[in-house]
């Protein structure tokens, strides 16, 4: 049976070799599921987010496998993601944030120096109510260059003769 619940099974139309029918008998069967889904993270763990990059951070997400629900994809919208900030490095305690992670990144981009660790907690319940979680660390940091820099070697202007190889 593929769905947890209480079922009644009735055995009927059973006969012996002489053709004598037996009275129907019923039995109650409780199908249960105590196994939580197994969550697998897409992408790396930890993820380093360079605040000076022009790339936009996008959570790569997760998927899960469950013994009754089958495959549960990120796009199904069944995952809950809780974002927490590292509050105490010594005790490794985290506090939930009260804003979106995109707003955290936008604020961090306005600061001169940032080195912050966050934890993404992916929570998922299967249809039987079993819950599991997976955790990914996300680290915000500033690269040493806040804008791209080109360093040119040699003379400017550089003279090159026509119809010769340019290296």
Foldseek 3Di string as FASTA:
>chain_A
DQDFDKDKDKDFPDDDPVNDTDDIDIDIDGGADQDWKDKDAPDDFAAEDALLDPDDDDRRGIWTADPRVGTGDRVNPQKDKWKWWQDDPVVRDTDTDPDDVSVVSVVVSVDPWDWTKMKIWIWGADPNGHIDIDIGIYIYGHDPDSDDDDDDDDDVPDDDDPPDDDD
